[in-house]
């Protein structure tokens, strides 16, 4: 199947299975394949049931430990005997996790079979997989248990500080990286529901730009003889950063914790999809993540990937009660709210829109924020965060319109209105609301 690609008319968005596409999800903490205790079929069923179409997946070249980030039920921290790495274990004892060491020259066939099964099951459900090839080591405990650490392999590779792993300094380590990338590309070449991310949060742990460019080139060369090519994503920054001289092999610009959605405006001229690739660290309530999602997508973003801690081994339907001290939230209620956003955006002719905040000439409540996507004279999609009622002043051309106010928390359509506008500023009064409200204004 032809892989997900940039839309030919508007490369800020995607095309997949012949349709204009945005990617919105609320997914588990990336360990669905590397954690053998995680039953990924009901997890993917839950995403499909919500209408979501993306999952983010770490490759297994990185793992966490139970104490990492204070996450309860962390799917990236499996028990040692339940960790599926891309490399096979040897018969030599002495790895830091208490099991035998890895052989970085031999593949773990069971891992790649599980990987293919996961991507295949996702494909059946219309879910795209962002396959994250590498991740830095945030602290020494993570490097201590990693297969690429010389202590944990029989090959003598990786006798380096954790900050040196993802650089061009060590030819033997780089050869391991390249071999894994080529193997992954070979194993996944037949799937259309796939794109690659070079490295999660490379701005931590010493990951260099030249190494990232090298990995992008390795993917490119590995796919050179293949019928179909997959998109490559690069994780740019937490928050926002204006990208200068983007790598031409990179199609998707990923940002984490990207609210306010400044990253979109700063990089929109690059004509690439811009992704809000990870959320969290705003507590366990739903409101911050719902409002982040609406603001980012109506600012012109193409991807919103919420990190949902209610998915754990044994709770693959996402019904794990998220502890108050968890770094982020999640759960059925939040997923229901994000599904409202997914339906709202899918219902727009978003390919022909662009960020158009200048349409709003007045009427925004004090302290509130507004974001608009518009195809002038045809469709306007507006999101308002803050306030309790607004009478917006909109600069739209004369014509007949249908206005609908949408409650982002419940999905209810409120105050539908057919109207004739004679030109100039159009005043539209919202219903009373709490927290936030959205407007869909469509020419008739």
Protein backbone atom coordinates (compact mmCIF):
# COMPACT_ATOMS: atom_id res chain seq x y z
CA UNK A 1 0.00 0.00 0.00
CA UNK A 2 1.21 3.53 -0.77
CA UNK A 3 2.56 5.02 2.47
CA UNK A 4 1.16 8.09 4.15
CA UNK A 5 2.57 11.10 2.31
CA UNK A 6 2.45 14.87 2.23
CA UNK A 7 -0.66 16.24 0.58
CA UNK A 8 0.14 17.39 -2.94
CA UNK A 9 -1.95 20.57 -2.70
CA UNK A 10 -1.13 21.51 0.87
CA UNK A 11 1.99 19.86 2.34
CA UNK A 12 1.11 21.11 5.81
CA UNK A 13 -1.14 18.05 5.90
CA UNK A 14 -1.04 14.42 4.83
CA UNK A 15 -2.76 12.15 2.38
CA UNK A 16 -3.45 8.57 3.39
CA UNK A 17 -5.56 5.99 1.61
CA UNK A 18 -6.54 8.61 -0.92
CA UNK A 19 -7.90 11.08 1.63
CA UNK A 20 -6.63 14.34 3.16
CA UNK A 21 -5.47 13.42 6.64
CA UNK A 22 -4.62 14.89 10.02
CA UNK A 23 -3.32 12.63 12.78
CA UNK A 24 -4.88 12.83 16.23
CA UNK A 25 -4.49 10.33 19.05
CA UNK A 26 -4.29 9.67 22.76
CA UNK A 27 -1.89 6.76 23.00
CA UNK A 28 0.10 4.63 25.42
CA UNK A 29 3.61 5.35 26.62
CA UNK A 30 5.36 3.89 23.57
CA UNK A 31 6.16 0.39 24.86
CA UNK A 32 3.47 -1.61 23.09
CA UNK A 33 5.98 -3.85 21.27
CA UNK A 34 9.05 -3.89 23.52
CA UNK A 35 6.92 -4.79 26.56
CA UNK A 36 5.79 -8.40 26.15
CA UNK A 37 3.21 -8.01 28.91
CA UNK A 38 1.31 -5.42 26.86
CA UNK A 39 -1.51 -6.88 24.76
CA UNK A 40 -1.64 -4.41 21.91
CA UNK A 41 -4.78 -5.66 20.15
CA UNK A 42 -7.31 -4.23 22.66
CA UNK A 43 -5.22 -1.07 22.79
CA UNK A 44 -5.51 -0.61 19.03
CA UNK A 45 -9.21 -1.48 19.24
CA UNK A 46 -9.70 1.39 21.70
CA UNK A 47 -7.92 3.87 19.41
CA UNK A 48 -10.05 2.74 16.48
CA UNK A 49 -13.26 3.00 18.51
CA UNK A 50 -12.43 6.64 19.27
CA UNK A 51 -11.69 7.43 15.64
CA UNK A 52 -8.00 8.04 16.34
CA UNK A 53 -5.48 7.29 13.61
CA UNK A 54 -1.99 7.45 15.13
CA UNK A 55 0.15 5.61 17.67
CA UNK A 56 3.71 6.43 18.69
CA UNK A 57 6.01 3.43 19.11
CA UNK A 58 9.53 3.22 20.54
CA UNK A 59 11.69 0.68 18.78
CA UNK A 60 13.26 -1.10 21.74
CA UNK A 61 16.75 0.36 21.29
CA UNK A 62 15.80 2.23 24.48
CA UNK A 63 14.08 1.08 27.64
CA UNK A 64 13.26 2.64 30.97
CA UNK A 65 13.41 1.32 34.52
CA UNK A 66 10.54 1.22 37.03
CA UNK A 67 11.71 4.42 38.75
CA UNK A 68 11.84 6.46 35.53
CA UNK A 69 9.99 9.80 35.76
CA UNK A 70 7.79 8.49 38.58
CA UNK A 71 5.47 6.81 36.08
CA UNK A 72 3.21 4.14 37.55
CA UNK A 73 2.58 1.26 35.14
CA UNK A 74 5.22 2.54 32.71
CA UNK A 75 4.99 0.44 29.54
CA UNK A 76 8.55 1.45 28.64
CA UNK A 77 9.84 -0.25 31.80
CA UNK A 78 9.04 -3.95 31.39
CA UNK A 79 10.40 -6.64 33.66
CA UNK A 80 13.83 -7.73 32.36
CA UNK A 81 12.54 -11.11 31.17
CA UNK A 82 9.63 -9.36 29.39
CA UNK A 83 11.77 -6.84 27.51
CA UNK A 84 11.86 -7.44 23.74
CA UNK A 85 14.95 -5.85 22.24
CA UNK A 86 15.83 -5.87 18.55
CA UNK A 87 19.00 -7.80 19.40
CA UNK A 88 19.17 -11.39 20.60
CA UNK A 89 20.46 -12.38 24.02
CA UNK A 90 23.62 -14.51 24.15
CA UNK A 91 24.40 -17.30 26.57
CA UNK A 92 26.89 -15.12 28.44
CA UNK A 93 25.72 -13.97 31.87
CA UNK A 94 26.43 -10.57 33.35
CA UNK A 95 24.02 -7.98 31.93
CA UNK A 96 23.01 -5.23 34.35
CA UNK A 97 19.40 -6.43 34.39
CA UNK A 98 20.45 -9.83 35.78
CA UNK A 99 19.99 -11.74 32.52
CA UNK A 100 22.45 -12.71 29.79
CA UNK A 101 24.21 -10.18 27.62
CA UNK A 102 23.06 -9.13 24.16
CA UNK A 103 24.81 -9.93 20.89
CA UNK A 104 24.59 -6.81 18.72
CA UNK A 105 25.39 -8.84 15.60
CA UNK A 106 22.32 -11.08 15.97
CA UNK A 107 18.69 -10.06 15.60
CA UNK A 108 15.87 -11.06 17.89
CA UNK A 109 13.52 -12.57 15.33
CA UNK A 110 10.66 -12.71 17.85
CA UNK A 111 10.92 -8.95 18.32
CA UNK A 112 10.62 -8.23 14.60
CA UNK A 113 7.72 -10.65 14.27
CA UNK A 114 5.92 -8.83 17.09
CA UNK A 115 6.75 -5.49 15.46
CA UNK A 116 5.28 -6.57 12.13
CA UNK A 117 2.18 -7.91 13.87
CA UNK A 118 1.68 -4.61 15.66
CA UNK A 119 2.01 -2.52 12.51
CA UNK A 120 -0.24 -4.94 10.63
CA UNK A 121 -2.95 -4.79 13.30
CA UNK A 122 -2.70 -1.01 13.29
CA UNK A 123 -3.00 -0.96 9.50
CA UNK A 124 -6.20 -3.03 9.65
CA UNK A 125 -7.68 -0.31 11.84
CA UNK A 126 -6.50 2.67 9.78
CA UNK A 127 -3.94 3.65 12.43
CA UNK A 128 -0.59 5.16 11.39
CA UNK A 129 2.51 4.14 13.37
CA UNK A 130 5.21 6.67 14.17
CA UNK A 131 8.20 4.37 14.67
CA UNK A 132 10.76 6.09 16.89
CA UNK A 133 14.17 4.65 16.11
CA UNK A 134 16.24 6.01 19.01
CA UNK A 135 15.99 7.91 22.28
CA UNK A 136 18.69 9.56 24.43
CA UNK A 137 19.52 8.44 27.94
CA UNK A 138 18.15 11.00 30.35
CA UNK A 139 20.14 9.66 33.29
CA UNK A 140 22.77 7.06 34.01
CA UNK A 141 20.26 4.40 35.11
CA UNK A 142 18.90 4.21 31.57
CA UNK A 143 22.31 3.82 29.96
CA UNK A 144 23.31 1.26 32.58
CA UNK A 145 20.68 -1.24 31.35
CA UNK A 146 20.87 -0.52 27.64
CA UNK A 147 22.01 -3.27 25.24
CA UNK A 148 24.40 -0.86 23.52
CA UNK A 149 26.32 -0.31 26.74
CA UNK A 150 29.49 -2.44 26.65
CA UNK A 151 28.58 -3.93 30.02
CA UNK A 152 25.49 -5.49 28.46
CA UNK A 153 26.77 -6.91 25.18
CA UNK A 154 29.34 -9.50 24.15
CA UNK A 155 30.72 -7.34 21.37
CA UNK A 156 32.69 -4.82 23.41
CA UNK A 157 30.69 -2.01 21.80
CA UNK A 158 29.58 1.03 23.74
CA UNK A 159 32.29 1.68 26.29
CA UNK A 160 31.44 5.38 26.14
CA UNK A 161 29.65 7.99 28.24
CA UNK A 162 25.89 8.11 27.69
CA UNK A 163 26.21 11.59 26.14
CA UNK A 164 28.43 10.16 23.37
CA UNK A 165 26.14 7.38 22.17
CA UNK A 166 24.32 9.34 19.46
CA UNK A 167 27.23 11.14 17.88
CA UNK A 168 29.64 10.37 15.05
CA UNK A 169 32.53 9.84 17.48
CA UNK A 170 32.46 6.04 17.73
CA UNK A 171 32.47 4.04 14.49
CA UNK A 172 31.52 0.76 16.16
CA UNK A 173 28.41 2.26 17.78
CA UNK A 174 27.46 4.06 14.59
CA UNK A 175 27.67 0.77 12.71
CA UNK A 176 25.21 -0.73 15.21
CA UNK A 177 22.82 2.19 14.68
CA UNK A 178 23.04 1.92 10.91
CA UNK A 179 22.53 -1.84 10.92
CA UNK A 180 19.43 -1.49 13.06
CA UNK A 181 17.97 1.21 10.82
CA UNK A 182 18.54 -0.89 7.71
CA UNK A 183 16.97 -3.91 9.42
CA UNK A 184 13.92 -1.90 10.49
CA UNK A 185 13.45 -0.49 7.00
CA UNK A 186 13.69 -4.00 5.52
CA UNK A 187 11.18 -5.43 7.98
CA UNK A 188 8.63 -2.61 7.56
CA UNK A 189 9.01 -1.84 3.86
CA UNK A 190 5.61 -3.26 2.91
CA UNK A 191 3.53 -1.11 5.28
CA UNK A 192 1.82 2.11 4.27
CA UNK A 193 0.73 3.14 7.77
CA UNK A 194 4.19 4.16 8.86
CA UNK A 195 6.65 6.97 9.22
CA UNK A 196 9.99 7.13 11.01
CA UNK A 197 11.15 9.50 13.73
CA UNK A 198 14.92 9.73 13.95
CA UNK A 199 15.20 10.24 17.69
CA UNK A 200 12.92 11.17 20.54
CA UNK A 201 13.93 14.42 22.28
CA UNK A 202 17.45 14.61 20.83
CA UNK A 203 17.99 17.94 22.56
CA UNK A 204 18.67 15.91 25.72
CA UNK A 205 21.63 13.62 26.30
CA UNK A 206 24.20 14.86 23.80
CA UNK A 207 22.51 13.83 20.53
CA UNK A 208 24.14 15.79 17.72
CA UNK A 209 22.62 17.28 14.61
CA UNK A 210 25.19 15.65 12.33
CA UNK A 211 24.30 12.23 13.79
CA UNK A 212 20.60 12.91 13.14
CA UNK A 213 21.40 13.90 9.56
CA UNK A 214 23.39 10.68 9.20
CA UNK A 215 20.46 8.54 10.40
CA UNK A 216 18.10 10.34 8.00
CA UNK A 217 20.54 9.56 5.20
CA UNK A 218 20.73 5.93 6.31
CA UNK A 219 16.94 5.63 6.08
CA UNK A 220 17.00 7.32 2.68
CA UNK A 221 19.68 4.99 1.32
CA UNK A 222 18.00 1.90 2.76
CA UNK A 223 14.80 2.80 0.90
CA UNK A 224 16.53 3.80 -2.34
CA UNK A 225 15.68 0.58 -4.12
CA UNK A 226 12.18 0.22 -2.70
CA UNK A 227 8.95 0.98 -4.52
CA UNK A 228 7.64 3.22 -1.75
CA UNK A 229 9.38 5.70 0.52
CA UNK A 230 8.32 6.59 4.05
CA UNK A 231 8.24 10.04 5.60
CA UNK A 232 10.90 10.98 8.14
CA UNK A 233 10.19 13.10 11.23
CA UNK A 234 12.69 15.04 13.30
CA UNK A 235 12.01 16.08 16.89
CA UNK A 236 13.01 19.75 17.01
CA UNK A 237 12.36 21.10 20.51
CA UNK A 238 10.23 21.22 23.59
CA UNK A 239 7.93 24.21 23.24
CA UNK A 240 8.98 26.00 20.09
CA UNK A 241 11.96 26.78 17.92
CA UNK A 242 12.25 28.40 14.52
CA UNK A 243 13.90 25.91 12.18
CA UNK A 244 16.64 27.24 9.92
CA UNK A 245 18.03 25.19 7.02
CA UNK A 246 15.79 22.15 7.52
CA UNK A 247 17.12 18.81 6.40
CA UNK A 248 15.57 18.12 2.97
CA UNK A 249 15.12 14.45 3.91
CA UNK A 250 12.93 15.44 6.86
CA UNK A 251 9.24 15.96 6.12
CA UNK A 252 7.64 16.26 9.57
CA UNK A 253 8.70 18.68 12.30
CA UNK A 254 7.92 17.32 15.76
CA UNK A 255 7.57 19.43 18.89
CA UNK A 256 6.79 18.38 22.45
CA UNK A 257 4.79 20.38 25.02
CA UNK A 258 4.01 22.85 22.26
CA UNK A 259 1.55 25.19 23.91
CA UNK A 260 1.02 27.97 23.08
CA UNK A 261 1.27 26.72 19.48
CA UNK A 262 4.03 29.14 18.52
CA UNK A 263 5.91 26.37 16.72
CA UNK A 264 3.27 26.35 13.98
CA UNK A 265 3.46 30.06 13.18
CA UNK A 266 7.25 30.12 13.37
CA UNK A 267 7.67 27.25 10.91
CA UNK A 268 4.56 27.40 8.73
CA UNK A 269 6.51 28.89 5.81
CA UNK A 270 8.57 25.67 5.58
CA UNK A 271 5.53 23.89 4.08
CA UNK A 272 5.82 20.79 6.24
CA UNK A 273 3.42 19.15 8.67
CA UNK A 274 4.06 20.42 12.17
CA UNK A 275 3.33 18.01 15.00
CA UNK A 276 2.52 18.32 18.69
CA UNK A 277 4.18 14.98 19.28
CA UNK A 278 3.98 14.52 23.06
CA UNK A 279 2.04 16.02 25.96
CA UNK A 280 2.20 15.78 29.73
CA UNK A 281 3.55 17.46 32.83
CA UNK A 282 0.39 19.54 33.29
CA UNK A 283 -1.23 17.31 35.87
CA UNK A 284 -3.92 14.68 35.45
CA UNK A 285 -6.95 16.84 34.63
CA UNK A 286 -8.42 16.78 31.12
CA UNK A 287 -8.67 20.51 30.47
CA UNK A 288 -4.99 21.29 29.70
CA UNK A 289 -4.71 18.54 27.12
CA UNK A 290 -8.03 19.24 25.46
CA UNK A 291 -7.24 22.94 25.09
CA UNK A 292 -3.68 22.21 23.91
CA UNK A 293 -5.09 19.97 21.21
CA UNK A 294 -7.72 22.40 19.93
CA UNK A 295 -5.34 25.35 19.90
CA UNK A 296 -2.60 23.47 18.08
CA UNK A 297 -4.82 21.99 15.39
CA UNK A 298 -6.68 25.23 14.73
CA UNK A 299 -3.37 27.07 14.58
CA UNK A 300 -2.52 24.94 11.52
CA UNK A 301 -0.91 21.89 13.10
CA UNK A 302 -1.16 18.48 11.44
CA UNK A 303 -0.58 16.09 14.36
CA UNK A 304 -1.66 15.94 17.99
CA UNK A 305 -0.34 12.99 19.99
CA UNK A 306 -1.47 12.95 23.61
CA UNK A 307 0.51 10.79 26.03
CA UNK A 308 -2.20 8.83 27.82
CA UNK A 309 -1.10 7.14 31.04
CA UNK A 310 -4.32 5.18 31.43
CA UNK A 311 -2.94 2.51 29.07
CA UNK A 312 -0.83 0.00 31.00
CA UNK A 313 -0.17 -3.73 30.86
CA UNK A 314 -3.38 -5.28 32.10
CA UNK A 315 -5.34 -2.11 31.25
CA UNK A 316 -4.85 -2.03 27.49
CA UNK A 317 -8.32 -0.52 26.96
CA UNK A 318 -7.10 2.56 28.80
CA UNK A 319 -8.98 2.13 32.06
CA UNK A 320 -6.05 2.32 34.50
CA UNK A 321 -6.88 4.91 37.19
CA UNK A 322 -4.19 7.54 36.65
CA UNK A 323 -2.55 8.44 40.00
CA UNK A 324 -2.53 12.11 40.95
CA UNK A 325 1.29 12.20 40.91
CA UNK A 326 1.54 10.86 37.35
CA UNK A 327 3.33 13.30 34.98
CA UNK A 328 0.25 13.55 32.76
CA UNK A 329 -3.32 12.42 32.44
CA UNK A 330 -5.49 10.32 30.20
CA UNK A 331 -8.50 8.09 30.34
CA UNK A 332 -11.82 7.47 28.61
CA UNK A 333 -13.21 10.93 29.32
CA UNK A 334 -10.24 12.75 27.79
CA UNK A 335 -10.22 10.43 24.79
CA UNK A 336 -13.90 11.18 24.22
CA UNK A 337 -13.09 14.89 24.19
CA UNK A 338 -10.18 14.52 21.79
CA UNK A 339 -12.42 12.42 19.53
CA UNK A 340 -14.71 15.46 19.27
CA UNK A 341 -11.77 17.47 17.93
CA UNK A 342 -10.90 14.70 15.46
CA UNK A 343 -14.45 14.71 14.06
CA UNK A 344 -14.52 18.50 13.95
CA UNK A 345 -11.30 18.77 11.92
CA UNK A 346 -12.20 15.84 9.68
CA UNK A 347 -15.45 17.64 8.88
CA UNK A 348 -13.57 20.64 7.51
CA UNK A 349 -12.06 21.13 4.08
CA UNK A 350 -8.83 21.70 6.00
CA UNK A 351 -6.55 21.19 3.01
CA UNK A 352 -7.78 24.50 1.61
CA UNK A 353 -7.52 26.41 4.88
CA UNK A 354 -4.69 28.30 6.47
CA UNK A 355 -4.16 30.02 9.84
CA UNK A 356 -6.29 33.17 9.72
CA UNK A 357 -6.47 34.79 13.15
CA UNK A 358 -6.73 38.19 11.44
CA UNK A 359 -10.36 37.35 10.62
CA UNK A 360 -11.23 38.18 14.23
CA UNK A 361 -11.56 41.96 14.58
CA UNK A 362 -12.95 42.11 18.09
CA UNK A 363 -15.17 40.61 20.73
CA UNK A 364 -12.63 38.23 22.28
CA UNK A 365 -13.11 38.11 26.07
CA UNK A 366 -10.32 39.57 28.16
CA UNK A 367 -7.63 37.00 28.82
CA UNK A 368 -9.01 34.58 26.23
CA UNK A 369 -7.10 33.18 23.23
CA UNK A 370 -8.51 32.59 19.77
CA UNK A 371 -7.26 30.53 16.82
CA UNK A 372 -8.79 30.38 13.35
CA UNK A 373 -8.40 28.19 10.28
CA UNK A 374 -10.12 29.58 7.21
CA UNK A 375 -10.67 29.24 3.51
CA UNK A 376 -11.93 32.84 3.07
CA UNK A 377 -15.51 33.07 1.91
CA UNK A 378 -15.99 29.31 2.22
CA UNK A 379 -15.28 27.96 5.69
CA UNK A 380 -14.11 29.30 9.03
CA UNK A 381 -13.17 27.16 12.03
CA UNK A 382 -12.56 29.04 15.26
CA UNK A 383 -11.54 27.96 18.73
CA UNK A 384 -11.87 30.20 21.76
CA UNK A 385 -10.21 29.31 25.07
CA UNK A 386 -11.29 31.37 28.07
CA UNK A 387 -14.23 33.53 28.96
CA UNK A 388 -17.87 32.54 29.39
CA UNK A 389 -19.55 34.29 26.45
CA UNK A 390 -18.34 36.17 23.39
CA UNK A 391 -19.81 38.33 20.66
CA UNK A 392 -17.16 37.96 18.01
CA UNK A 393 -16.58 40.45 15.21
CA UNK A 394 -15.50 38.61 12.08
CA UNK A 395 -14.23 40.00 8.80
CA UNK A 396 -15.95 37.73 6.28
CA UNK A 397 -17.33 38.52 2.81
CA UNK A 398 -21.02 38.96 2.10
CA UNK A 399 -22.98 35.77 1.63
CA UNK A 400 -25.17 33.12 3.18
CA UNK A 401 -23.67 31.13 6.05
CA UNK A 402 -24.50 28.48 8.56
CA UNK A 403 -23.01 29.01 12.01
CA UNK A 404 -22.69 26.26 14.59
CA UNK A 405 -21.14 26.54 18.03
CA UNK A 406 -19.57 23.31 19.27
CA UNK A 407 -18.93 22.39 22.89
CA UNK A 408 -15.41 20.83 22.89
CA UNK A 409 -16.12 18.94 26.09
CA UNK A 410 -19.42 17.32 25.11
CA UNK A 411 -19.57 17.66 21.33
CA UNK A 412 -22.99 19.27 21.52
CA UNK A 413 -23.83 21.62 18.65
CA UNK A 414 -25.35 24.74 20.13
CA UNK A 415 -27.16 27.73 18.66
CA UNK A 416 -27.18 26.63 14.98
CA UNK A 417 -28.02 29.59 12.80
CA UNK A 418 -28.67 30.28 9.12
CA UNK A 419 -27.77 33.84 8.29
CA UNK A 420 -27.35 36.32 5.46
CA UNK A 421 -24.37 38.64 5.77
CA UNK A 422 -24.37 41.84 3.74
CA UNK A 423 -20.65 42.52 4.09
CA UNK A 424 -18.33 44.24 6.53
CA UNK A 425 -17.93 42.92 10.04
CA UNK A 426 -20.17 40.02 11.01
CA UNK A 427 -21.14 39.90 14.68
CA UNK A 428 -21.81 36.46 16.08
CA UNK A 429 -22.88 35.94 19.68
CA UNK A 430 -21.89 32.67 21.27
CA UNK A 431 -23.99 30.77 23.78
CA UNK A 432 -22.81 30.82 27.37
CA UNK A 433 -19.97 28.37 27.91
CA UNK A 434 -17.36 27.28 30.42
CA UNK A 435 -13.66 26.91 29.63
CA UNK A 436 -13.81 26.88 25.83
CA UNK A 437 -15.98 26.83 22.72
CA UNK A 438 -15.55 26.28 18.96
CA UNK A 439 -17.31 27.81 15.97
CA UNK A 440 -17.89 26.36 12.51
CA UNK A 441 -19.00 28.94 9.93
CA UNK A 442 -19.67 27.55 6.46
CA UNK A 443 -20.86 29.32 3.31
CA UNK A 444 -24.17 28.00 1.96
